[in-house]
């Protein structure tokens, strides 16, 4: 058993010594095999990196879609929940009576952007700017309006469509003027005299809203206004459907741009006069390029593997005379084949290591997106060299010694 281990050790030493001597004798061939493995790995890795770069550009491209000319507020939730979009921005005007006093209501999720002015908002406990990102029965009141009605963040108010309270006011205005034709009736006087009755008649249509904040601004108009992200039952809250001046969305998945275009066009068609606008020209170019690179990458990788396998076979076949000399010196056919194959495998591994070092030195952390593809190619290249080396060495040593000695390199 000890003699067997010694024999294997001597055989391994003989193989390594032969490979080293042969590598020195055939520097050009060895260097070519080594450099080819390195260059093929670098080329495939760079191709994969370019492919991943275009995928990232495609995914990171911001594509906005806009509905203009009066999209109904009630369509916002279906659009947002469709899964096609994210980061909505919208705005529109509405009217309502808040605590039975008329107010202009801006339905929006971004007050400063929609109003075009900077505003400071004091929020009620438990609320912050994120409260405007979801539909709900909440209000932010202008400072002037809040002071007039002595309202603070956290209070609850009644929101009534202006049409219902307007009808009640008109009713009691007519009643008073009929009964007291010479009386100069103002709005404030009307509410003092008949306020309770007017509120009582409008109360069935009142919707309780929470005042989540008070807005301070230099704009006089905004100071007497109210702001809400909107509710689905906008007919109940504001009397008439709210039509948005602007409704802007960002695509959540750029690969679904065509699906959302079809969906957006359908929404626009259902609401005559509404326009749907989405420019995907830049995205379309990136999608086409990334798809092309994705299709070409397997072909490029396969071609690189074939080139590596072909060169391995070519070098081994050109080493037929060396194989004959080893046979004459008493080396068995099996050992000869192993020497020829292991030489190419060793050079392939060294070349792959050289290519990996070159990639890391050049790209560093930038190689990360393509590291998986590069590692897979390296493994496949090793397998290709191993198979090509085994098959080629068997074919190259299949002839008898005299025929091998006559082989021209």
Protein backbone atom coordinates (compact mmCIF):
# COMPACT_ATOMS: atom_id res chain seq x y z
CA UNK A 1 0.00 0.00 0.00
CA UNK A 2 2.91 2.31 0.87
CA UNK A 3 4.57 1.41 -2.41
CA UNK A 4 1.34 2.34 -4.25
CA UNK A 5 1.19 5.77 -2.60
CA UNK A 6 4.84 6.38 -3.44
CA UNK A 7 4.18 5.41 -7.06
CA UNK A 8 1.25 7.87 -7.27
CA UNK A 9 3.35 10.62 -5.70
CA UNK A 10 6.17 10.04 -8.19
CA UNK A 11 3.66 10.04 -11.03
CA UNK A 12 2.18 13.36 -9.90
CA UNK A 13 5.65 14.88 -9.57
CA UNK A 14 6.53 13.61 -13.02
CA UNK A 15 3.38 15.17 -14.50
CA UNK A 16 4.04 18.57 -12.90
CA UNK A 17 7.73 18.54 -13.95
CA UNK A 18 6.76 17.69 -17.50
CA UNK A 19 4.14 20.40 -17.66
CA UNK A 20 6.64 22.96 -16.37
CA UNK A 21 9.37 21.88 -18.85
CA UNK A 22 6.88 21.82 -21.69
CA UNK A 23 5.49 25.22 -20.74
CA UNK A 24 8.99 26.66 -20.92
CA UNK A 25 9.58 25.04 -24.31
CA UNK A 26 6.26 26.16 -25.71
CA UNK A 27 5.98 29.62 -24.20
CA UNK A 28 3.99 31.01 -27.12
CA UNK A 29 1.36 28.29 -27.02
CA UNK A 30 1.12 28.41 -23.24
CA UNK A 31 0.85 32.20 -23.23
CA UNK A 32 -1.82 32.06 -25.92
CA UNK A 33 -3.94 29.58 -23.96
CA UNK A 34 -3.51 31.59 -20.77
CA UNK A 35 -4.23 34.96 -22.36
CA UNK A 36 -7.15 33.64 -24.34
CA UNK A 37 -8.86 32.39 -21.17
CA UNK A 38 -8.26 35.76 -19.50
CA UNK A 39 -9.47 37.78 -22.49
CA UNK A 40 -12.56 35.65 -23.02
CA UNK A 41 -13.53 36.01 -19.35
CA UNK A 42 -12.96 39.79 -19.50
CA UNK A 43 -14.95 40.11 -22.73
CA UNK A 44 -17.91 38.08 -21.47
CA UNK A 45 -17.90 39.86 -18.10
CA UNK A 46 -17.85 43.27 -19.79
CA UNK A 47 -20.68 42.18 -22.07
CA UNK A 48 -22.68 41.05 -19.03
CA UNK A 49 -21.88 44.34 -17.26
CA UNK A 50 -23.08 46.32 -20.27
CA UNK A 51 -26.25 44.24 -20.34
CA UNK A 52 -26.89 44.88 -16.64
CA UNK A 53 -26.13 48.59 -17.07
CA UNK A 54 -28.83 48.92 -19.71
CA UNK A 55 -31.25 46.98 -17.51
CA UNK A 56 -30.53 49.41 -14.67
CA UNK A 57 -30.95 52.41 -16.99
CA UNK A 58 -34.23 50.94 -18.20
CA UNK A 59 -35.52 50.36 -14.69
CA UNK A 60 -34.29 53.70 -13.31
CA UNK A 61 -35.74 55.82 -16.11
CA UNK A 62 -38.55 57.93 -14.70
CA UNK A 63 -41.65 57.82 -16.88
CA UNK A 64 -44.55 60.05 -15.91
CA UNK A 65 -48.13 59.76 -17.05
CA UNK A 66 -50.63 62.60 -16.88
CA UNK A 67 -54.38 62.85 -17.03
CA UNK A 68 -55.46 66.37 -17.91
CA UNK A 69 -58.68 68.26 -18.50
CA UNK A 70 -60.82 66.96 -15.68
CA UNK A 71 -60.13 63.43 -14.46
CA UNK A 72 -62.80 62.62 -11.83
CA UNK A 73 -61.38 62.29 -8.32
CA UNK A 74 -63.13 58.95 -7.88
CA UNK A 75 -60.80 57.39 -10.49
CA UNK A 76 -57.69 58.04 -8.41
CA UNK A 77 -58.00 55.03 -6.14
CA UNK A 78 -58.52 52.50 -8.98
CA UNK A 79 -55.52 53.95 -10.82
CA UNK A 80 -53.28 53.84 -7.75
CA UNK A 81 -54.43 50.33 -6.80
CA UNK A 82 -53.91 49.07 -10.35
CA UNK A 83 -50.25 48.42 -9.48
CA UNK A 84 -49.03 50.22 -12.59
CA UNK A 85 -48.04 53.49 -10.91
CA UNK A 86 -46.54 55.09 -7.83
CA UNK A 87 -45.89 58.60 -6.45
CA UNK A 88 -49.20 60.19 -7.45
CA UNK A 89 -49.60 63.94 -7.54
CA UNK A 90 -53.00 65.50 -8.13
CA UNK A 91 -54.97 68.64 -7.52
CA UNK A 92 -58.41 70.07 -8.12
CA UNK A 93 -60.89 72.65 -6.78
CA UNK A 94 -64.04 71.91 -4.84
CA UNK A 95 -66.53 73.85 -2.74
CA UNK A 96 -68.05 72.99 0.62
CA UNK A 97 -69.47 74.49 3.77
CA UNK A 98 -67.18 73.77 6.70
CA UNK A 99 -68.98 74.19 10.00
CA UNK A 100 -71.68 75.85 7.89
CA UNK A 101 -69.39 78.51 6.47
CA UNK A 102 -68.42 78.51 2.79
CA UNK A 103 -64.83 77.51 1.98
CA UNK A 104 -62.85 76.90 -1.16
CA UNK A 105 -61.42 73.37 -0.83
CA UNK A 106 -58.27 72.32 -2.68
CA UNK A 107 -58.23 68.57 -3.17
CA UNK A 108 -54.54 67.63 -3.41
CA UNK A 109 -51.83 65.50 -1.85
CA UNK A 110 -49.13 68.19 -2.18
CA UNK A 111 -50.32 71.63 -1.08
CA UNK A 112 -47.13 73.58 -1.78
CA UNK A 113 -46.64 72.09 -5.24
CA UNK A 114 -50.25 72.51 -6.31
CA UNK A 115 -50.71 76.00 -4.83
CA UNK A 116 -47.27 77.15 -5.96
CA UNK A 117 -46.33 78.66 -2.58
CA UNK A 118 -44.37 77.53 0.44
CA UNK A 119 -46.53 76.79 3.45
CA UNK A 120 -45.88 75.92 7.07
CA UNK A 121 -48.26 73.39 8.59
CA UNK A 122 -48.82 72.69 12.29
CA UNK A 123 -50.09 69.12 12.60
CA UNK A 124 -52.29 67.54 15.23
CA UNK A 125 -50.67 64.89 17.47
CA UNK A 126 -50.31 61.63 15.57
CA UNK A 127 -50.30 63.30 12.13
CA UNK A 128 -47.57 64.50 9.82
CA UNK A 129 -47.09 65.24 6.11
CA UNK A 130 -47.72 61.58 5.24
CA UNK A 131 -51.41 61.99 6.07
CA UNK A 132 -51.84 63.60 2.65
CA UNK A 133 -50.64 60.46 0.88
CA UNK A 134 -53.88 58.53 1.45
CA UNK A 135 -57.53 59.28 0.92
CA UNK A 136 -59.39 60.14 4.08
CA UNK A 137 -61.89 62.45 5.70
CA UNK A 138 -59.28 64.89 6.94
CA UNK A 139 -58.71 68.61 6.43
CA UNK A 140 -55.89 71.09 6.74
CA UNK A 141 -57.36 74.54 7.33
CA UNK A 142 -55.95 77.88 6.35
CA UNK A 143 -54.91 79.90 9.40
CA UNK A 144 -57.45 82.68 8.79
CA UNK A 145 -60.35 80.24 8.47
CA UNK A 146 -59.25 78.32 11.57
CA UNK A 147 -58.98 81.49 13.65
CA UNK A 148 -62.38 82.70 12.50
CA UNK A 149 -64.04 79.50 13.74
CA UNK A 150 -61.68 79.01 16.68
CA UNK A 151 -60.53 75.66 15.37
CA UNK A 152 -57.30 73.89 16.28
CA UNK A 153 -55.52 70.77 15.00
CA UNK A 154 -57.34 67.72 16.27
CA UNK A 155 -60.84 69.27 16.19
CA UNK A 156 -63.73 67.79 14.19
CA UNK A 157 -65.80 69.81 11.73
CA UNK A 158 -68.89 69.17 9.63
CA UNK A 159 -68.45 69.34 5.87
CA UNK A 160 -71.65 69.93 3.94
CA UNK A 161 -72.05 70.34 0.19
CA UNK A 162 -72.72 74.02 -0.52
CA UNK A 163 -75.85 73.18 -2.46
CA UNK A 164 -77.71 71.85 0.59
CA UNK A 165 -76.82 74.64 2.96
CA UNK A 166 -77.33 77.13 0.14
CA UNK A 167 -80.86 75.88 -0.32
CA UNK A 168 -81.53 76.25 3.40
CA UNK A 169 -80.06 79.79 3.47
CA UNK A 170 -82.09 80.78 0.41
CA UNK A 171 -85.24 79.42 2.06
CA UNK A 172 -84.81 81.47 5.23
CA UNK A 173 -83.58 84.53 3.37
CA UNK A 174 -86.79 84.48 1.31
CA UNK A 175 -88.84 83.89 4.46
CA UNK A 176 -87.25 86.83 6.28
CA UNK A 177 -87.53 89.24 3.36
CA UNK A 178 -91.16 88.31 2.86
CA UNK A 179 -91.91 88.90 6.51
CA UNK A 180 -89.61 91.93 6.92
CA UNK A 181 -89.30 93.54 3.48
CA UNK A 182 -87.57 96.65 4.78
CA UNK A 183 -84.92 94.78 6.75
CA UNK A 184 -81.41 94.85 5.30
CA UNK A 185 -80.47 91.19 5.81
CA UNK A 186 -76.77 90.37 5.72
CA UNK A 187 -75.21 86.91 5.80
CA UNK A 188 -73.98 87.31 9.37
CA UNK A 189 -77.39 88.50 10.52
CA UNK A 190 -79.09 85.64 8.70
CA UNK A 191 -76.89 83.09 10.50
CA UNK A 192 -77.56 84.74 13.86
CA UNK A 193 -81.32 84.64 13.31
CA UNK A 194 -81.72 81.32 11.50
CA UNK A 195 -78.36 79.57 11.90
CA UNK A 196 -79.69 76.75 14.04
CA UNK A 197 -82.51 76.00 11.61
CA UNK A 198 -80.17 76.17 8.60
CA UNK A 199 -77.73 73.77 10.31
CA UNK A 200 -80.56 71.47 11.28
CA UNK A 201 -81.78 71.17 7.69
CA UNK A 202 -78.29 70.64 6.30
CA UNK A 203 -77.15 68.28 9.09
CA UNK A 204 -78.32 65.03 7.42
CA UNK A 205 -75.81 65.65 4.63
CA UNK A 206 -72.93 66.61 6.94
CA UNK A 207 -69.77 64.49 6.91
CA UNK A 208 -67.44 64.72 9.93
CA UNK A 209 -63.85 65.62 9.01
CA UNK A 210 -60.83 65.76 11.32
CA UNK A 211 -58.72 68.92 11.26
CA UNK A 212 -55.24 67.40 11.09
CA UNK A 213 -53.36 70.65 10.64
CA UNK A 214 -53.43 74.42 10.29
CA UNK A 215 -51.57 76.06 7.43
CA UNK A 216 -49.68 79.36 7.70
CA UNK A 217 -48.94 81.20 4.48
CA UNK A 218 -48.52 84.68 3.10
CA UNK A 219 -51.32 84.01 0.60
CA UNK A 220 -54.58 85.61 1.68
CA UNK A 221 -56.57 83.22 -0.53
CA UNK A 222 -54.98 80.10 0.92
CA UNK A 223 -55.50 81.44 4.42
CA UNK A 224 -59.26 81.16 4.04
CA UNK A 225 -59.16 77.83 2.19
CA UNK A 226 -59.13 74.20 3.22
CA UNK A 227 -57.12 71.26 1.89
CA UNK A 228 -57.89 67.55 1.74
CA UNK A 229 -56.40 64.50 0.01
CA UNK A 230 -59.97 63.66 -1.00
CA UNK A 231 -62.42 60.87 -0.35
CA UNK A 232 -64.00 58.41 -2.74
CA UNK A 233 -67.51 59.56 -1.95
CA UNK A 234 -66.74 63.03 -3.21
CA UNK A 235 -70.36 63.54 -4.32
CA UNK A 236 -71.49 63.22 -0.72
CA UNK A 237 -68.72 65.48 0.58
CA UNK A 238 -68.74 68.22 -2.04
CA UNK A 239 -72.08 67.98 -3.76
CA UNK A 240 -70.68 67.45 -7.24
CA UNK A 241 -67.92 65.15 -8.53
CA UNK A 242 -64.51 66.78 -8.18
CA UNK A 243 -62.61 67.11 -11.43
CA UNK A 244 -58.85 67.27 -11.11
CA UNK A 245 -56.79 69.92 -12.90
CA UNK A 246 -53.75 67.66 -12.76
CA UNK A 247 -53.22 63.95 -12.06
CA UNK A 248 -49.63 62.82 -12.49
CA UNK A 249 -48.17 59.38 -11.84
CA UNK A 250 -44.81 57.65 -12.14
CA UNK A 251 -44.62 54.18 -13.65
CA UNK A 252 -43.93 51.59 -10.95
CA UNK A 253 -42.64 49.01 -13.43
CA UNK A 254 -41.25 50.29 -16.72
CA UNK A 255 -41.71 46.88 -18.32
CA UNK A 256 -45.48 47.34 -17.95
CA UNK A 257 -45.57 50.65 -19.81
CA UNK A 258 -47.65 49.24 -22.66
CA UNK A 259 -50.14 47.75 -20.22
CA UNK A 260 -50.58 51.06 -18.41
CA UNK A 261 -50.90 52.93 -21.71
CA UNK A 262 -53.81 50.71 -22.61
CA UNK A 263 -55.31 51.12 -19.12
CA UNK A 264 -54.87 54.91 -19.13
CA UNK A 265 -56.39 55.23 -22.57
CA UNK A 266 -59.39 53.22 -21.39
CA UNK A 267 -59.85 55.57 -18.38
CA UNK A 268 -59.62 58.61 -20.65
CA UNK A 269 -62.14 57.14 -23.09
CA UNK A 270 -64.61 56.52 -20.28
CA UNK A 271 -64.43 60.20 -19.35
CA UNK A 272 -64.95 62.15 -22.53
CA UNK A 273 -62.63 65.12 -22.78
CA UNK A 274 -59.96 63.74 -20.45
CA UNK A 275 -56.54 63.45 -22.07
CA UNK A 276 -53.98 60.78 -21.23
CA UNK A 277 -50.34 61.68 -21.94
CA UNK A 278 -47.32 59.39 -21.44
CA UNK A 279 -44.04 59.78 -23.36
CA UNK A 280 -42.04 56.55 -23.43
CA UNK A 281 -39.68 57.38 -26.31
CA UNK A 282 -36.50 57.21 -24.21
CA UNK A 283 -37.72 54.13 -22.35
CA UNK A 284 -38.59 52.32 -25.59
CA UNK A 285 -35.02 52.74 -26.84
CA UNK A 286 -33.58 51.40 -23.60
CA UNK A 287 -35.99 48.44 -23.58
CA UNK A 288 -35.04 47.55 -27.16
CA UNK A 289 -31.32 47.76 -26.40
CA UNK A 290 -31.56 45.76 -23.17
CA UNK A 291 -33.64 43.08 -24.90
CA UNK A 292 -31.10 42.88 -27.72
CA UNK A 293 -28.18 42.54 -25.28
CA UNK A 294 -30.09 39.91 -23.30
CA UNK A 295 -30.62 37.91 -26.49
CA UNK A 296 -27.01 38.27 -27.66
CA UNK A 297 -25.32 37.48 -24.35
CA UNK A 298 -25.92 33.68 -24.44
CA UNK A 299 -24.66 33.63 -28.02
CA UNK A 300 -21.52 35.58 -27.10
CA UNK A 301 -20.86 33.34 -24.08
CA UNK A 302 -21.37 30.18 -26.15
CA UNK A 303 -19.02 31.49 -28.86
CA UNK A 304 -16.37 32.25 -26.23
CA UNK A 305 -16.68 28.72 -24.83
CA UNK A 306 -16.35 27.20 -28.29
CA UNK A 307 -13.28 29.30 -29.05
CA UNK A 308 -11.65 28.19 -25.80
CA UNK A 309 -12.49 24.54 -26.41
CA UNK A 310 -11.25 24.72 -30.02
CA UNK A 311 -7.91 26.28 -29.04
CA UNK A 312 -7.44 23.66 -26.32
CA UNK A 313 -8.01 20.88 -28.86
CA UNK A 314 -5.71 22.57 -31.41
CA UNK A 315 -2.82 22.88 -28.95
CA UNK A 316 -3.17 19.25 -27.87
CA UNK A 317 -3.25 17.97 -31.45
CA UNK A 318 -0.13 20.00 -32.21
CA UNK A 319 1.53 18.27 -29.26
CA UNK A 320 1.22 14.81 -30.78
CA UNK A 321 5.01 14.52 -31.28
CA UNK A 322 5.61 15.27 -27.60
CA UNK A 323 3.09 12.59 -26.77
CA UNK A 324 5.03 10.12 -28.96
CA UNK A 325 8.30 10.97 -27.22
CA UNK A 326 6.70 10.32 -23.84
CA UNK A 327 5.39 7.02 -25.12
CA UNK A 328 8.87 6.03 -26.38
CA UNK A 329 10.28 6.93 -22.97
CA UNK A 330 7.86 4.46 -21.40
CA UNK A 331 4.99 6.69 -20.32
CA UNK A 332 1.69 4.87 -20.51
CA UNK A 333 -1.02 6.03 -22.87
CA UNK A 334 -3.31 6.94 -19.95
CA UNK A 335 -0.61 9.01 -18.25
CA UNK A 336 0.24 10.73 -21.52
CA UNK A 337 -3.37 11.71 -22.04
CA UNK A 338 -3.57 13.01 -18.46
CA UNK A 339 -0.46 15.15 -18.96
CA UNK A 340 -1.80 16.75 -22.14
CA UNK A 341 -5.24 17.44 -20.64
CA UNK A 342 -4.00 18.69 -17.25
CA UNK A 343 -1.63 21.11 -18.96
CA UNK A 344 -4.51 22.82 -20.73
CA UNK A 345 -6.70 22.76 -17.63
CA UNK A 346 -3.92 24.33 -15.59
CA UNK A 347 -3.39 27.07 -18.20
CA UNK A 348 -7.15 27.66 -18.38
CA UNK A 349 -7.42 28.08 -14.60
CA UNK A 350 -4.43 30.41 -14.57
CA UNK A 351 -5.93 32.45 -17.40
CA UNK A 352 -9.28 32.71 -15.66
CA UNK A 353 -7.53 33.85 -12.48
CA UNK A 354 -5.58 36.44 -14.47
CA UNK A 355 -8.77 37.68 -16.12
CA UNK A 356 -10.57 37.91 -12.77
CA UNK A 357 -7.72 39.94 -11.29
CA UNK A 358 -7.74 42.27 -14.29
CA UNK A 359 -11.51 42.77 -14.00
CA UNK A 360 -11.30 43.55 -10.29
CA UNK A 361 -8.42 45.96 -10.83
CA UNK A 362 -10.27 47.79 -13.61
CA UNK A 363 -13.86 47.78 -12.36
CA UNK A 364 -13.62 46.99 -8.66
CA UNK A 365 -17.01 47.16 -6.98
CA UNK A 366 -18.55 48.20 -10.31
CA UNK A 367 -18.28 44.58 -11.41
CA UNK A 368 -20.84 43.43 -8.82
CA UNK A 369 -23.89 43.42 -11.17
CA UNK A 370 -22.08 41.06 -13.54
CA UNK A 371 -20.23 38.96 -10.95
CA UNK A 372 -22.75 36.13 -11.12
CA UNK A 373 -22.57 35.91 -14.90
CA UNK A 374 -18.76 36.07 -14.82
CA UNK A 375 -18.55 33.30 -12.22
CA UNK A 376 -20.93 31.10 -14.22
CA UNK A 377 -18.92 31.64 -17.41
CA UNK A 378 -15.67 30.80 -15.58
CA UNK A 379 -17.17 27.54 -14.32
CA UNK A 380 -18.47 26.66 -17.79
CA UNK A 381 -15.11 27.55 -19.35
CA UNK A 382 -13.33 25.24 -16.90
CA UNK A 383 -15.78 22.46 -17.76
CA UNK A 384 -15.29 23.09 -21.50
CA UNK A 385 -11.49 22.93 -21.21
CA UNK A 386 -11.71 19.77 -19.12
CA UNK A 387 -13.98 18.03 -21.64
CA UNK A 388 -12.08 19.32 -24.68
CA UNK A 389 -8.76 18.37 -23.11
CA UNK A 390 -9.92 14.84 -22.28
CA UNK A 391 -11.45 14.21 -25.71
CA UNK A 392 -8.58 15.82 -27.65
CA UNK A 393 -5.84 14.07 -25.70
CA UNK A 394 -7.55 10.72 -26.28
CA UNK A 395 -7.84 11.44 -29.98
CA UNK A 396 -4.28 12.75 -30.24
CA UNK A 397 -2.74 9.63 -28.66
CA UNK A 398 -4.96 7.15 -30.44
CA UNK A 399 -2.40 6.55 -33.23
CA UNK A 400 0.65 4.34 -32.80
CA UNK A 401 3.99 5.83 -31.80
CA UNK A 402 5.49 5.88 -35.32
CA UNK A 403 2.51 7.79 -36.71
CA UNK A 404 2.72 10.26 -33.84
CA UNK A 405 6.42 10.85 -34.46
CA UNK A 406 5.65 11.74 -38.07
CA UNK A 407 3.13 14.43 -36.98
CA UNK A 408 4.13 17.95 -38.00
CA UNK A 409 3.57 20.69 -35.40
